[in-house]
N, C-alpha and C. Protein backbone atom coordinates (compact mmCIF):
# COMPACT_ATOMS: atom_id res chain seq x y z
N MET A 1 42.40 51.64 24.75
CA MET A 1 43.47 52.12 25.63
C MET A 1 44.82 51.96 24.94
N GLU A 2 45.61 52.93 25.11
CA GLU A 2 46.93 52.97 24.52
C GLU A 2 47.92 52.08 25.29
N LYS A 3 48.76 51.38 24.54
CA LYS A 3 49.82 50.59 25.15
C LYS A 3 51.13 51.35 25.01
N LEU A 4 51.95 51.27 26.02
CA LEU A 4 53.26 51.91 25.98
C LEU A 4 54.33 50.84 26.04
N LYS A 5 55.41 51.05 25.29
CA LYS A 5 56.58 50.18 25.40
C LYS A 5 57.57 50.87 26.33
N ILE A 6 58.00 50.11 27.31
CA ILE A 6 58.80 50.68 28.39
C ILE A 6 60.10 49.90 28.52
N ALA A 7 61.22 50.64 28.58
CA ALA A 7 62.55 50.04 28.73
C ALA A 7 63.05 50.27 30.15
N PHE A 8 63.39 49.17 30.84
CA PHE A 8 63.92 49.21 32.19
C PHE A 8 65.42 48.95 32.14
N ALA A 9 66.20 49.83 32.78
CA ALA A 9 67.67 49.73 32.78
C ALA A 9 68.11 48.73 33.85
N THR A 10 68.81 47.67 33.42
CA THR A 10 69.22 46.64 34.36
C THR A 10 70.55 46.01 33.95
N ASP A 11 71.20 45.40 34.92
CA ASP A 11 72.39 44.60 34.65
C ASP A 11 72.06 43.12 34.78
N ASP A 12 70.92 42.83 35.40
CA ASP A 12 70.43 41.45 35.52
C ASP A 12 68.92 41.50 35.35
N LYS A 13 68.26 40.38 35.43
CA LYS A 13 66.82 40.37 35.13
C LYS A 13 65.94 40.81 36.29
N ASN A 14 66.51 41.07 37.45
CA ASN A 14 65.69 41.37 38.63
C ASN A 14 65.78 42.79 39.15
N SER A 15 66.96 43.41 39.04
CA SER A 15 67.21 44.68 39.72
C SER A 15 67.67 45.76 38.75
N PHE A 16 67.37 47.01 39.14
CA PHE A 16 67.86 48.15 38.37
C PHE A 16 69.37 48.30 38.54
N THR A 17 69.99 48.87 37.51
CA THR A 17 71.40 49.23 37.65
C THR A 17 71.50 50.44 38.56
N ASN A 18 72.63 50.60 39.25
CA ASN A 18 72.85 51.78 40.09
C ASN A 18 73.67 52.84 39.37
N ARG A 19 73.86 52.62 38.07
CA ARG A 19 74.55 53.61 37.23
C ARG A 19 73.51 54.36 36.40
N HIS A 20 73.98 55.33 35.62
CA HIS A 20 73.07 56.08 34.74
C HIS A 20 72.34 55.14 33.79
N PHE A 21 71.17 55.56 33.36
CA PHE A 21 70.35 54.77 32.44
C PHE A 21 71.17 54.30 31.24
N GLY A 22 71.93 55.18 30.64
CA GLY A 22 72.70 54.85 29.43
C GLY A 22 73.86 53.91 29.68
N ASP A 23 74.18 53.62 30.94
CA ASP A 23 75.29 52.74 31.27
C ASP A 23 74.84 51.33 31.65
N ALA A 24 73.55 51.07 31.60
CA ALA A 24 73.03 49.73 31.92
C ALA A 24 73.56 48.72 30.90
N LYS A 25 73.72 47.48 31.33
CA LYS A 25 74.16 46.42 30.42
C LYS A 25 73.03 45.99 29.49
N HIS A 26 71.78 46.04 30.00
CA HIS A 26 70.63 45.55 29.24
C HIS A 26 69.43 46.47 29.47
N TYR A 27 68.46 46.33 28.57
CA TYR A 27 67.16 46.97 28.73
C TYR A 27 66.11 45.88 28.57
N TYR A 28 65.26 45.76 29.57
CA TYR A 28 64.13 44.83 29.49
C TYR A 28 62.93 45.62 28.99
N ILE A 29 62.37 45.19 27.88
CA ILE A 29 61.27 45.90 27.24
C ILE A 29 59.96 45.22 27.62
N TYR A 30 59.04 46.02 28.13
CA TYR A 30 57.70 45.57 28.47
C TYR A 30 56.69 46.40 27.72
N GLU A 31 55.52 45.81 27.46
CA GLU A 31 54.39 46.55 26.93
C GLU A 31 53.35 46.60 28.04
N ILE A 32 52.96 47.82 28.41
CA ILE A 32 52.07 48.00 29.55
C ILE A 32 50.89 48.89 29.14
N ASP A 33 49.70 48.48 29.55
CA ASP A 33 48.52 49.31 29.42
C ASP A 33 47.74 49.20 30.73
N ASN A 34 46.49 49.65 30.75
CA ASN A 34 45.76 49.61 32.02
C ASN A 34 45.19 48.23 32.34
N ASN A 35 45.44 47.25 31.46
CA ASN A 35 44.96 45.89 31.72
C ASN A 35 46.07 44.88 31.96
N SER A 36 47.28 45.16 31.48
CA SER A 36 48.32 44.14 31.57
C SER A 36 49.72 44.73 31.44
N ALA A 37 50.69 43.94 31.87
CA ALA A 37 52.11 44.25 31.70
C ALA A 37 52.76 42.99 31.16
N ASN A 38 53.26 43.07 29.93
CA ASN A 38 53.83 41.89 29.27
C ASN A 38 55.28 42.11 28.87
N PHE A 39 56.13 41.15 29.25
CA PHE A 39 57.52 41.18 28.84
C PHE A 39 57.60 40.93 27.33
N ILE A 40 58.37 41.77 26.63
CA ILE A 40 58.54 41.63 25.18
C ILE A 40 59.90 41.01 24.86
N LYS A 41 60.97 41.65 25.34
CA LYS A 41 62.31 41.14 25.04
C LYS A 41 63.37 41.86 25.86
N LYS A 42 64.54 41.27 25.88
CA LYS A 42 65.73 41.87 26.48
C LYS A 42 66.63 42.31 25.34
N ILE A 43 67.12 43.55 25.41
CA ILE A 43 68.11 43.99 24.42
C ILE A 43 69.38 44.41 25.16
N ASP A 44 70.50 44.12 24.54
CA ASP A 44 71.78 44.51 25.11
C ASP A 44 72.09 45.96 24.75
N ASN A 45 72.73 46.65 25.66
CA ASN A 45 73.18 48.01 25.39
C ASN A 45 74.47 47.92 24.58
N THR A 46 74.37 48.21 23.30
CA THR A 46 75.52 48.12 22.40
C THR A 46 76.11 49.48 22.08
N VAL A 47 75.65 50.52 22.77
CA VAL A 47 76.13 51.88 22.53
C VAL A 47 77.52 52.02 23.13
N GLU A 48 78.42 52.64 22.36
CA GLU A 48 79.80 52.82 22.82
C GLU A 48 79.87 53.72 24.04
N GLU A 49 80.93 53.54 24.82
CA GLU A 49 81.16 54.38 25.99
C GLU A 49 81.29 55.83 25.55
N GLU A 50 80.89 56.72 26.44
CA GLU A 50 80.97 58.14 26.11
C GLU A 50 82.41 58.64 26.14
N GLU A 51 82.68 59.61 25.26
CA GLU A 51 84.01 60.20 25.20
C GLU A 51 84.19 61.26 26.26
N MET A 52 83.07 61.86 26.69
CA MET A 52 83.08 62.88 27.74
C MET A 52 81.78 62.74 28.52
N HIS A 53 81.75 63.29 29.72
CA HIS A 53 80.53 63.22 30.53
C HIS A 53 79.41 63.94 29.79
N ALA A 54 78.21 63.34 29.77
CA ALA A 54 77.04 63.90 29.09
C ALA A 54 77.25 64.01 27.58
N ASP A 55 77.95 63.04 27.01
CA ASP A 55 78.26 63.02 25.59
C ASP A 55 76.98 62.97 24.76
N PRO A 56 76.73 63.96 23.89
CA PRO A 56 75.51 63.94 23.07
C PRO A 56 75.47 62.75 22.12
N LYS A 57 76.64 62.23 21.72
CA LYS A 57 76.66 61.06 20.84
C LYS A 57 76.11 59.83 21.57
N LYS A 58 76.39 59.74 22.86
CA LYS A 58 75.86 58.62 23.64
C LYS A 58 74.33 58.73 23.75
N ALA A 59 73.83 59.92 24.02
CA ALA A 59 72.37 60.11 24.09
C ALA A 59 71.73 59.73 22.77
N LYS A 60 72.33 60.12 21.67
CA LYS A 60 71.78 59.79 20.35
C LYS A 60 71.83 58.28 20.12
N GLY A 61 72.90 57.63 20.54
CA GLY A 61 73.02 56.18 20.39
C GLY A 61 71.94 55.44 21.17
N ILE A 62 71.71 55.85 22.42
CA ILE A 62 70.67 55.22 23.25
C ILE A 62 69.30 55.48 22.64
N THR A 63 69.07 56.71 22.21
CA THR A 63 67.79 57.06 21.58
C THR A 63 67.54 56.21 20.35
N ASN A 64 68.55 56.05 19.51
CA ASN A 64 68.39 55.23 18.29
C ASN A 64 68.13 53.77 18.63
N LEU A 65 68.89 53.23 19.59
CA LEU A 65 68.74 51.83 20.00
C LEU A 65 67.31 51.55 20.46
N LEU A 66 66.77 52.42 21.31
CA LEU A 66 65.44 52.20 21.87
C LEU A 66 64.33 52.59 20.90
N SER A 67 64.59 53.54 20.03
CA SER A 67 63.59 53.92 19.03
C SER A 67 63.34 52.78 18.05
N GLU A 68 64.38 51.99 17.76
CA GLU A 68 64.22 50.82 16.88
C GLU A 68 63.21 49.83 17.47
N GLU A 69 63.05 49.84 18.79
CA GLU A 69 62.11 48.95 19.48
C GLU A 69 60.77 49.64 19.75
N ASN A 70 60.61 50.87 19.25
CA ASN A 70 59.38 51.66 19.46
C ASN A 70 59.09 51.92 20.93
N VAL A 71 60.15 52.14 21.70
CA VAL A 71 60.01 52.43 23.13
C VAL A 71 59.46 53.85 23.31
N ASN A 72 58.53 54.00 24.28
CA ASN A 72 57.97 55.31 24.62
C ASN A 72 58.49 55.84 25.95
N VAL A 73 58.84 54.92 26.86
CA VAL A 73 59.15 55.26 28.24
C VAL A 73 60.44 54.56 28.65
N VAL A 74 61.31 55.29 29.38
CA VAL A 74 62.53 54.69 29.91
C VAL A 74 62.52 54.85 31.43
N VAL A 75 62.98 53.79 32.13
CA VAL A 75 62.88 53.75 33.59
C VAL A 75 64.22 53.36 34.18
N SER A 76 64.63 54.11 35.21
CA SER A 76 65.90 53.83 35.88
C SER A 76 65.90 54.45 37.27
N LYS A 77 66.82 54.00 38.10
CA LYS A 77 67.03 54.63 39.40
C LYS A 77 67.83 55.92 39.24
N VAL A 78 68.68 55.97 38.18
CA VAL A 78 69.59 57.10 38.01
C VAL A 78 69.63 57.51 36.54
N PHE A 79 69.54 58.80 36.30
CA PHE A 79 69.76 59.36 34.97
C PHE A 79 70.87 60.40 35.09
N GLY A 80 71.64 60.55 34.05
CA GLY A 80 72.67 61.57 34.03
C GLY A 80 72.17 62.82 33.33
N PRO A 81 73.08 63.74 33.03
CA PRO A 81 72.70 65.01 32.39
C PRO A 81 72.04 64.83 31.02
N ASN A 82 72.25 63.69 30.37
CA ASN A 82 71.62 63.46 29.07
C ASN A 82 70.11 63.30 29.15
N ILE A 83 69.56 63.28 30.35
CA ILE A 83 68.10 63.19 30.49
C ILE A 83 67.43 64.33 29.73
N LYS A 84 68.08 65.49 29.69
CA LYS A 84 67.48 66.63 28.99
C LYS A 84 67.39 66.39 27.49
N ARG A 85 68.24 65.51 26.96
CA ARG A 85 68.18 65.18 25.54
C ARG A 85 67.18 64.05 25.28
N ILE A 86 67.21 63.01 26.09
CA ILE A 86 66.38 61.86 25.78
C ILE A 86 64.91 62.06 26.15
N LYS A 87 64.60 63.01 27.04
CA LYS A 87 63.19 63.23 27.39
C LYS A 87 62.41 63.84 26.23
N LYS A 88 63.08 64.30 25.21
CA LYS A 88 62.39 64.78 24.01
C LYS A 88 61.79 63.62 23.23
N LYS A 89 62.35 62.42 23.41
CA LYS A 89 61.89 61.23 22.70
C LYS A 89 61.13 60.25 23.58
N PHE A 90 61.39 60.29 24.89
CA PHE A 90 60.82 59.32 25.81
C PHE A 90 60.30 60.01 27.07
N VAL A 91 59.35 59.38 27.73
CA VAL A 91 59.03 59.77 29.10
C VAL A 91 60.09 59.11 29.97
N CYS A 92 60.81 59.90 30.74
CA CYS A 92 61.86 59.38 31.62
C CYS A 92 61.28 59.27 33.03
N ILE A 93 61.37 58.08 33.60
CA ILE A 93 60.83 57.85 34.93
C ILE A 93 61.96 57.44 35.87
N VAL A 94 62.09 58.20 36.95
CA VAL A 94 63.05 57.89 38.01
C VAL A 94 62.29 57.13 39.09
N VAL A 95 62.82 55.97 39.48
CA VAL A 95 62.15 55.14 40.48
C VAL A 95 63.03 54.96 41.71
N LYS A 96 62.39 54.64 42.82
CA LYS A 96 63.09 54.37 44.07
C LYS A 96 63.33 52.88 44.26
N GLU A 97 62.46 52.07 43.67
CA GLU A 97 62.53 50.63 43.88
C GLU A 97 63.85 50.04 43.39
N GLU A 98 64.26 48.98 44.03
CA GLU A 98 65.44 48.24 43.61
C GLU A 98 65.08 47.19 42.56
N LYS A 99 63.89 46.59 42.71
CA LYS A 99 63.49 45.45 41.89
C LYS A 99 62.59 45.89 40.73
N LEU A 100 62.81 45.29 39.57
CA LEU A 100 62.00 45.60 38.40
C LEU A 100 60.52 45.29 38.65
N GLU A 101 60.24 44.18 39.27
CA GLU A 101 58.85 43.76 39.47
C GLU A 101 58.05 44.81 40.25
N GLN A 102 58.67 45.39 41.29
CA GLN A 102 58.00 46.43 42.07
C GLN A 102 57.72 47.65 41.20
N SER A 103 58.68 48.02 40.38
CA SER A 103 58.54 49.18 39.51
C SER A 103 57.48 48.95 38.43
N ILE A 104 57.44 47.75 37.89
CA ILE A 104 56.42 47.42 36.88
C ILE A 104 55.03 47.62 37.47
N ASN A 105 54.82 47.16 38.69
CA ASN A 105 53.53 47.34 39.36
C ASN A 105 53.22 48.82 39.57
N ASN A 106 54.22 49.60 39.97
CA ASN A 106 54.05 51.03 40.19
C ASN A 106 53.68 51.73 38.88
N ILE A 107 54.34 51.37 37.81
CA ILE A 107 54.04 51.97 36.51
C ILE A 107 52.64 51.56 36.05
N TYR A 108 52.32 50.32 36.20
CA TYR A 108 50.99 49.83 35.85
C TYR A 108 49.91 50.64 36.58
N ASN A 109 50.13 50.91 37.86
CA ASN A 109 49.16 51.66 38.66
C ASN A 109 49.12 53.14 38.32
N ASN A 110 50.13 53.65 37.63
CA ASN A 110 50.19 55.07 37.27
C ASN A 110 50.18 55.28 35.76
N ILE A 111 49.66 54.32 35.02
CA ILE A 111 49.75 54.37 33.56
C ILE A 111 49.08 55.61 32.96
N GLU A 112 47.99 56.06 33.52
CA GLU A 112 47.30 57.24 32.97
C GLU A 112 48.18 58.50 33.07
N ILE A 113 48.87 58.66 34.19
CA ILE A 113 49.78 59.80 34.37
C ILE A 113 50.89 59.73 33.32
N ILE A 114 51.42 58.54 33.09
CA ILE A 114 52.52 58.35 32.14
C ILE A 114 52.02 58.63 30.72
N ILE A 115 50.85 58.15 30.37
CA ILE A 115 50.30 58.41 29.03
C ILE A 115 50.09 59.90 28.83
N ASN A 116 49.58 60.59 29.83
CA ASN A 116 49.38 62.04 29.71
C ASN A 116 50.71 62.76 29.50
N GLU A 117 51.75 62.30 30.17
CA GLU A 117 53.08 62.92 29.98
C GLU A 117 53.59 62.64 28.58
N TRP A 118 53.40 61.41 28.08
CA TRP A 118 53.82 61.04 26.73
C TRP A 118 53.18 61.96 25.69
N LYS A 119 51.93 62.28 25.87
CA LYS A 119 51.18 63.09 24.90
C LYS A 119 51.67 64.53 24.83
N LYS A 120 52.48 64.97 25.78
CA LYS A 120 53.02 66.34 25.77
C LYS A 120 54.11 66.52 24.71
N GLY A 121 54.58 65.42 24.12
CA GLY A 121 55.61 65.52 23.08
C GLY A 121 56.92 66.02 23.63
N THR A 122 57.61 66.84 22.86
CA THR A 122 58.95 67.29 23.25
C THR A 122 58.95 68.19 24.47
N GLU A 123 57.79 68.63 24.92
CA GLU A 123 57.68 69.48 26.11
C GLU A 123 57.51 68.67 27.39
N ARG A 124 57.61 67.34 27.29
CA ARG A 124 57.37 66.51 28.48
C ARG A 124 58.48 66.69 29.52
N SER A 125 58.09 66.41 30.76
CA SER A 125 59.02 66.43 31.89
C SER A 125 59.29 65.01 32.32
N HIS A 126 60.33 64.81 33.13
CA HIS A 126 60.54 63.48 33.69
C HIS A 126 59.59 63.29 34.88
N LEU A 127 59.33 62.04 35.20
CA LEU A 127 58.46 61.71 36.34
C LEU A 127 59.26 60.97 37.39
N SER A 128 58.89 61.17 38.64
CA SER A 128 59.45 60.40 39.75
C SER A 128 58.31 59.59 40.35
N LEU A 129 58.44 58.27 40.30
CA LEU A 129 57.39 57.41 40.82
C LEU A 129 57.94 56.49 41.90
């Protein structure tokens, strides 16, 4: 079974940020497969503020930051217009939950759907879970 590395957008260790994915203070990285969900590390968002709304440089910065960690999936309550750029590199998942723990369980329970979306490559769509 394939494992996916998943980045959750947060300002603290418990809850999602209510801002766009790229504006989160931190990303909590988990490795999830159909048997387990394991916390890997917390990384700080060091990407500079955007110069304009939907700044392509910001999307590239976030993509580079998370690609260094081999992230496959990004999760947030809110994505901005740059979702169309970053979904070429990641499966983007929009969640309703406030708490990371609830979302981790939801992703764990839907891992096959997420893996199938990942395999679509640059033609993938975002998911709402």
